[in-house]
C-alpha cells in the first residue's frame, strides 16, 4: 500500500512537472512574438523547447498506461513488420535537446537496417526507458547504443559511463518501485522504468540482462526474437 501511494504521488508530480515550464515557454513565445522581440532563430529555439517538454509529458503518460495495463493483465501486443534501426534512431532523436543540454554524446553502432516483427510501441518504450536511464545516471559520460543481428534473435545494447550498480542492487533493480541504493534524490521518476522494460521484453519472448560493477558503468542488453507473436485475445 505504501509503495502504491508513493507511486501515485510521484506520478502526479511527474505529470504536472513538465506542464509549468511548458506554459511558461508558450507565454514567453507569445509575448515575444507580439512585441516583435524574437528573431526566427529564437522562435525556433523556443518551439524546440516546447516540443521537448511535450514529448516528455507524452512519454510519462505512456509509461503510466503501460504500467496500468501490465498490472491489470490487460497488456495486448500487436506485432507488425518494422525496421528496428529506424525505431532506435527515432527514439534517440527525441533526446537530442536533452543530450545537448547535458553535454552527453551518443555513439551509435547500428546496421543500416534490421527488419523483423515486433510490437513497435513496446519497442519504443523499451528503448526510451533504457535511454532515459542512461542519460539520468550516466553522469554526463558518453552513451553507446548498439544493435546486433543474431539471426533468429536481435540484441539491443545500451552502455553508460555512470557509477555502476552493486551486486546487491542488481538483484532488485528490475523490480517495481525499486532503485539502486544511493541514487541521487535529484533524479525524479516513477521507479518503474527498468521493471517496465523487463515486463515488455518478457511479454515479447525476450530477456534483459545487465553487465555492471561499481565504478565501471552499466551495459543493459535486451535480446528479442526476430519475429514476435500477438497476444492471445
Protein backbone atom coordinates (compact mmCIF):
# COMPACT_ATOMS: atom_id res chain seq x y z
CA UNK A 1 0.00 0.00 0.00
CA UNK A 2 2.80 2.43 0.90
CA UNK A 3 4.60 1.68 -2.37
CA UNK A 4 1.40 2.21 -4.34
CA UNK A 5 0.65 5.51 -2.59
CA UNK A 6 4.22 6.65 -3.19
CA UNK A 7 3.90 5.75 -6.88
CA UNK A 8 0.66 7.74 -7.21
CA UNK A 9 2.28 10.77 -5.55
CA UNK A 10 5.34 10.58 -7.81
CA UNK A 11 3.16 10.02 -10.88
CA UNK A 12 1.11 13.12 -10.11
CA UNK A 13 4.31 15.12 -9.69
CA UNK A 14 5.88 13.77 -12.88
CA UNK A 15 2.81 14.55 -14.98
CA UNK A 16 2.42 18.02 -13.50
CA UNK A 17 6.13 18.85 -13.53
CA UNK A 18 6.61 19.49 -17.29
CA UNK A 19 3.39 21.48 -17.59
CA UNK A 20 4.57 24.56 -15.66
CA UNK A 21 7.69 25.23 -17.78
CA UNK A 22 5.72 24.38 -20.93
CA UNK A 23 3.11 27.03 -20.14
CA UNK A 24 5.91 29.45 -19.27
CA UNK A 25 7.65 28.84 -22.59
CA UNK A 26 4.41 29.34 -24.53
CA UNK A 27 3.66 32.60 -22.69
CA UNK A 28 7.19 33.90 -23.36
CA UNK A 29 6.92 32.96 -27.02
CA UNK A 30 3.53 34.63 -27.45
CA UNK A 31 4.56 37.84 -25.71
CA UNK A 32 7.86 37.96 -27.61
CA UNK A 33 6.23 37.42 -30.99
CA UNK A 34 3.56 40.05 -30.31
CA UNK A 35 6.22 42.56 -29.27
CA UNK A 36 8.49 41.67 -32.20
CA UNK A 37 11.38 40.82 -29.87
CA UNK A 38 12.32 37.42 -31.29
CA UNK A 39 14.29 36.54 -34.38
CA UNK A 40 13.19 33.48 -36.43
CA UNK A 41 16.07 31.54 -34.83
CA UNK A 42 14.91 32.43 -31.30
CA UNK A 43 11.35 31.42 -32.16
CA UNK A 44 12.65 28.08 -33.46
CA UNK A 45 14.61 27.53 -30.22
CA UNK A 46 11.53 28.25 -28.11
CA UNK A 47 9.42 25.87 -30.19
CA UNK A 48 12.06 23.13 -29.87
CA UNK A 49 11.99 23.54 -26.09
CA UNK A 50 8.19 23.33 -26.02
CA UNK A 51 8.33 20.24 -28.24
CA UNK A 52 10.83 18.62 -25.88
CA UNK A 53 8.58 19.28 -22.87
CA UNK A 54 5.56 17.88 -24.72
CA UNK A 55 7.45 14.70 -25.66
CA UNK A 56 8.49 14.28 -22.03
CA UNK A 57 4.86 14.55 -20.95
CA UNK A 58 3.69 12.07 -23.60
CA UNK A 59 6.37 9.55 -22.62
CA UNK A 60 5.50 9.75 -18.93
CA UNK A 61 1.81 9.30 -19.75
CA UNK A 62 2.60 6.26 -21.93
CA UNK A 63 4.62 4.77 -19.08
CA UNK A 64 1.68 5.10 -16.70
CA UNK A 65 -0.68 3.49 -19.21
CA UNK A 66 1.65 0.53 -19.74
CA UNK A 67 2.13 0.04 -16.00
CA UNK A 68 -1.65 0.04 -15.57
CA UNK A 69 -2.17 -2.47 -18.39
CA UNK A 70 0.52 -4.82 -17.15
CA UNK A 71 -0.61 -4.81 -13.51
CA UNK A 72 -4.23 -5.40 -14.56
CA UNK A 73 -3.27 -8.16 -17.01
CA UNK A 74 -4.59 -6.18 -19.98
CA UNK A 75 -1.38 -5.66 -21.94
CA UNK A 76 -2.00 -6.61 -25.58
CA UNK A 77 0.83 -6.87 -28.09
CA UNK A 78 0.26 -6.38 -31.81
CA UNK A 79 3.47 -7.28 -33.68
CA UNK A 80 3.88 -5.88 -37.18
CA UNK A 81 6.73 -5.67 -39.65
CA UNK A 82 9.09 -2.77 -38.88
CA UNK A 83 12.73 -1.72 -39.10
CA UNK A 84 14.32 -1.83 -35.65
CA UNK A 85 17.07 0.59 -36.69
CA UNK A 86 14.55 3.25 -37.71
CA UNK A 87 12.76 2.82 -34.37
CA UNK A 88 16.04 3.17 -32.45
CA UNK A 89 17.01 6.31 -34.36
CA UNK A 90 13.58 7.89 -33.94
CA UNK A 91 13.62 7.36 -30.17
CA UNK A 92 17.17 8.68 -29.84
CA UNK A 93 16.22 11.77 -31.87
CA UNK A 94 13.64 12.67 -29.23
CA UNK A 95 16.54 13.03 -26.78
CA UNK A 96 18.50 15.45 -28.98
CA UNK A 97 17.61 18.51 -26.90
CA UNK A 98 18.16 16.73 -23.57
CA UNK A 99 21.57 15.36 -24.57
CA UNK A 100 22.70 18.74 -25.92
CA UNK A 101 21.66 20.39 -22.66
CA UNK A 102 23.51 17.75 -20.60
CA UNK A 103 26.58 17.72 -22.87
CA UNK A 104 26.12 13.99 -23.46
CA UNK A 105 27.38 12.39 -26.67
CA UNK A 106 25.76 9.30 -28.19
CA UNK A 107 27.75 6.79 -30.20
CA UNK A 108 25.75 4.52 -32.50
CA UNK A 109 26.85 1.08 -33.68
CA UNK A 110 23.96 0.02 -35.89
CA UNK A 111 23.48 -1.95 -39.10
CA UNK A 112 21.89 0.03 -41.94
CA UNK A 113 18.58 -1.76 -41.36
CA UNK A 114 17.18 -4.72 -39.45
CA UNK A 115 13.64 -5.79 -40.22
CA UNK A 116 11.51 -8.04 -38.07
CA UNK A 117 8.10 -8.43 -36.49
CA UNK A 118 7.67 -6.61 -33.20
CA UNK A 119 5.15 -4.50 -31.32
CA UNK A 120 6.57 -1.10 -32.23
CA UNK A 121 5.07 0.75 -29.25
CA UNK A 122 6.62 -1.80 -26.88
CA UNK A 123 9.96 -1.45 -28.68
CA UNK A 124 9.79 2.32 -28.31
CA UNK A 125 9.06 2.04 -24.59
CA UNK A 126 11.98 -0.35 -24.07
CA UNK A 127 14.45 1.87 -25.92
CA UNK A 128 13.07 5.05 -24.38
CA UNK A 129 13.34 3.80 -20.81
CA UNK A 130 16.87 2.46 -21.30
CA UNK A 131 17.95 5.75 -22.91
CA UNK A 132 16.32 7.76 -20.14
CA UNK A 133 18.09 5.60 -17.56
CA UNK A 134 21.48 6.04 -19.29
CA UNK A 135 21.14 9.82 -19.52
CA UNK A 136 19.82 10.17 -15.98
CA UNK A 137 22.51 8.08 -14.28
CA UNK A 138 25.37 8.30 -16.79
CA UNK A 139 26.90 11.35 -15.06
CA UNK A 140 27.36 13.19 -18.35
CA UNK A 141 29.52 10.49 -19.91
CA UNK A 142 29.09 9.21 -23.47
CA UNK A 143 26.35 6.68 -24.19
CA UNK A 144 26.84 3.82 -26.62
CA UNK A 145 23.86 2.29 -28.42
CA UNK A 146 24.31 -0.86 -30.46
CA UNK A 147 22.17 -3.44 -32.23
CA UNK A 148 23.44 -6.90 -33.16
CA UNK A 149 21.75 -9.19 -35.69
CA UNK A 150 21.89 -12.73 -34.26
CA UNK A 151 19.78 -14.37 -36.95
CA UNK A 152 16.61 -15.55 -35.23
CA UNK A 153 17.11 -13.01 -32.46
CA UNK A 154 18.42 -9.46 -32.11
CA UNK A 155 20.35 -7.83 -29.28
CA UNK A 156 19.96 -4.19 -28.27
CA UNK A 157 22.77 -2.90 -26.03
CA UNK A 158 22.94 0.46 -24.26
CA UNK A 159 26.10 1.34 -22.32
CA UNK A 160 26.54 4.26 -19.93
CA UNK A 161 29.53 5.57 -18.00
CA UNK A 162 27.72 6.01 -14.70
CA UNK A 163 28.72 4.83 -11.21
CA UNK A 164 27.63 1.26 -11.89
CA UNK A 165 25.40 -0.97 -9.80
CA UNK A 166 26.42 -3.01 -6.77
CA UNK A 167 25.92 -6.78 -6.64
CA UNK A 168 23.17 -6.40 -4.03
CA UNK A 169 21.26 -3.86 -6.13
CA UNK A 170 21.50 -5.91 -9.31
CA UNK A 171 19.09 -8.46 -7.87
CA UNK A 172 16.31 -5.89 -7.45
CA UNK A 173 16.71 -3.07 -10.00
CA UNK A 174 14.18 -4.77 -12.28
CA UNK A 175 11.57 -4.82 -9.50
CA UNK A 176 8.76 -2.29 -9.42
CA UNK A 177 9.32 0.90 -7.40
CA UNK A 178 12.98 -0.03 -6.85
CA UNK A 179 16.15 1.98 -7.39
CA UNK A 180 19.77 1.36 -6.59
CA UNK A 181 20.84 2.35 -3.09
CA UNK A 182 22.47 5.77 -3.06
CA UNK A 183 20.73 7.04 -6.21
CA UNK A 184 20.81 10.83 -6.26
CA UNK A 185 17.47 12.14 -4.98
CA UNK A 186 17.59 14.87 -7.65
CA UNK A 187 16.70 12.22 -10.23
CA UNK A 188 12.92 12.10 -10.30
CA UNK A 189 10.90 9.29 -11.81
CA UNK A 190 8.33 6.60 -11.15
CA UNK A 191 10.82 3.92 -10.15
CA UNK A 192 9.26 1.59 -12.73
CA UNK A 193 11.44 2.16 -15.81
CA UNK A 194 13.57 -0.97 -15.67
CA UNK A 195 10.65 -3.02 -14.34
CA UNK A 196 8.62 -1.91 -17.35
CA UNK A 197 11.49 -2.78 -19.72
CA UNK A 198 11.66 -6.28 -18.26
CA UNK A 199 7.88 -6.78 -18.42
CA UNK A 200 7.66 -5.67 -22.06
CA UNK A 201 10.76 -7.63 -23.05
CA UNK A 202 9.46 -10.83 -21.49
CA UNK A 203 5.99 -10.25 -22.98
CA UNK A 204 7.70 -10.30 -26.39
CA UNK A 205 9.52 -13.53 -25.55
CA UNK A 206 12.86 -11.88 -24.81
CA UNK A 207 15.30 -11.42 -21.96
CA UNK A 208 17.11 -8.48 -20.37
CA UNK A 209 20.41 -8.53 -18.51
CA UNK A 210 22.93 -6.04 -17.13
CA UNK A 211 26.71 -6.12 -17.02
CA UNK A 212 27.93 -3.72 -14.37
CA UNK A 213 30.02 -3.09 -11.32
CA UNK A 214 30.74 -0.15 -9.04
CA UNK A 215 32.74 2.48 -10.90
CA UNK A 216 32.59 0.84 -14.33
CA UNK A 217 29.23 1.93 -15.74
CA UNK A 218 26.47 -0.38 -16.94
CA UNK A 219 25.54 -2.22 -20.13
CA UNK A 220 21.90 -3.22 -20.48
CA UNK A 221 21.24 -5.91 -23.10
CA UNK A 222 17.82 -6.81 -24.46
CA UNK A 223 17.54 -9.95 -26.60
CA UNK A 224 14.32 -10.37 -28.59
CA UNK A 225 13.04 -12.95 -31.08
CA UNK A 226 13.23 -11.64 -34.65
CA UNK A 227 9.55 -12.40 -35.18
CA UNK A 228 7.10 -11.94 -32.32
CA UNK A 229 3.56 -13.21 -31.95
CA UNK A 230 0.42 -11.33 -31.00
CA UNK A 231 -1.05 -11.53 -27.51
CA UNK A 232 -3.91 -14.09 -27.47
CA UNK A 233 -7.32 -12.45 -27.20
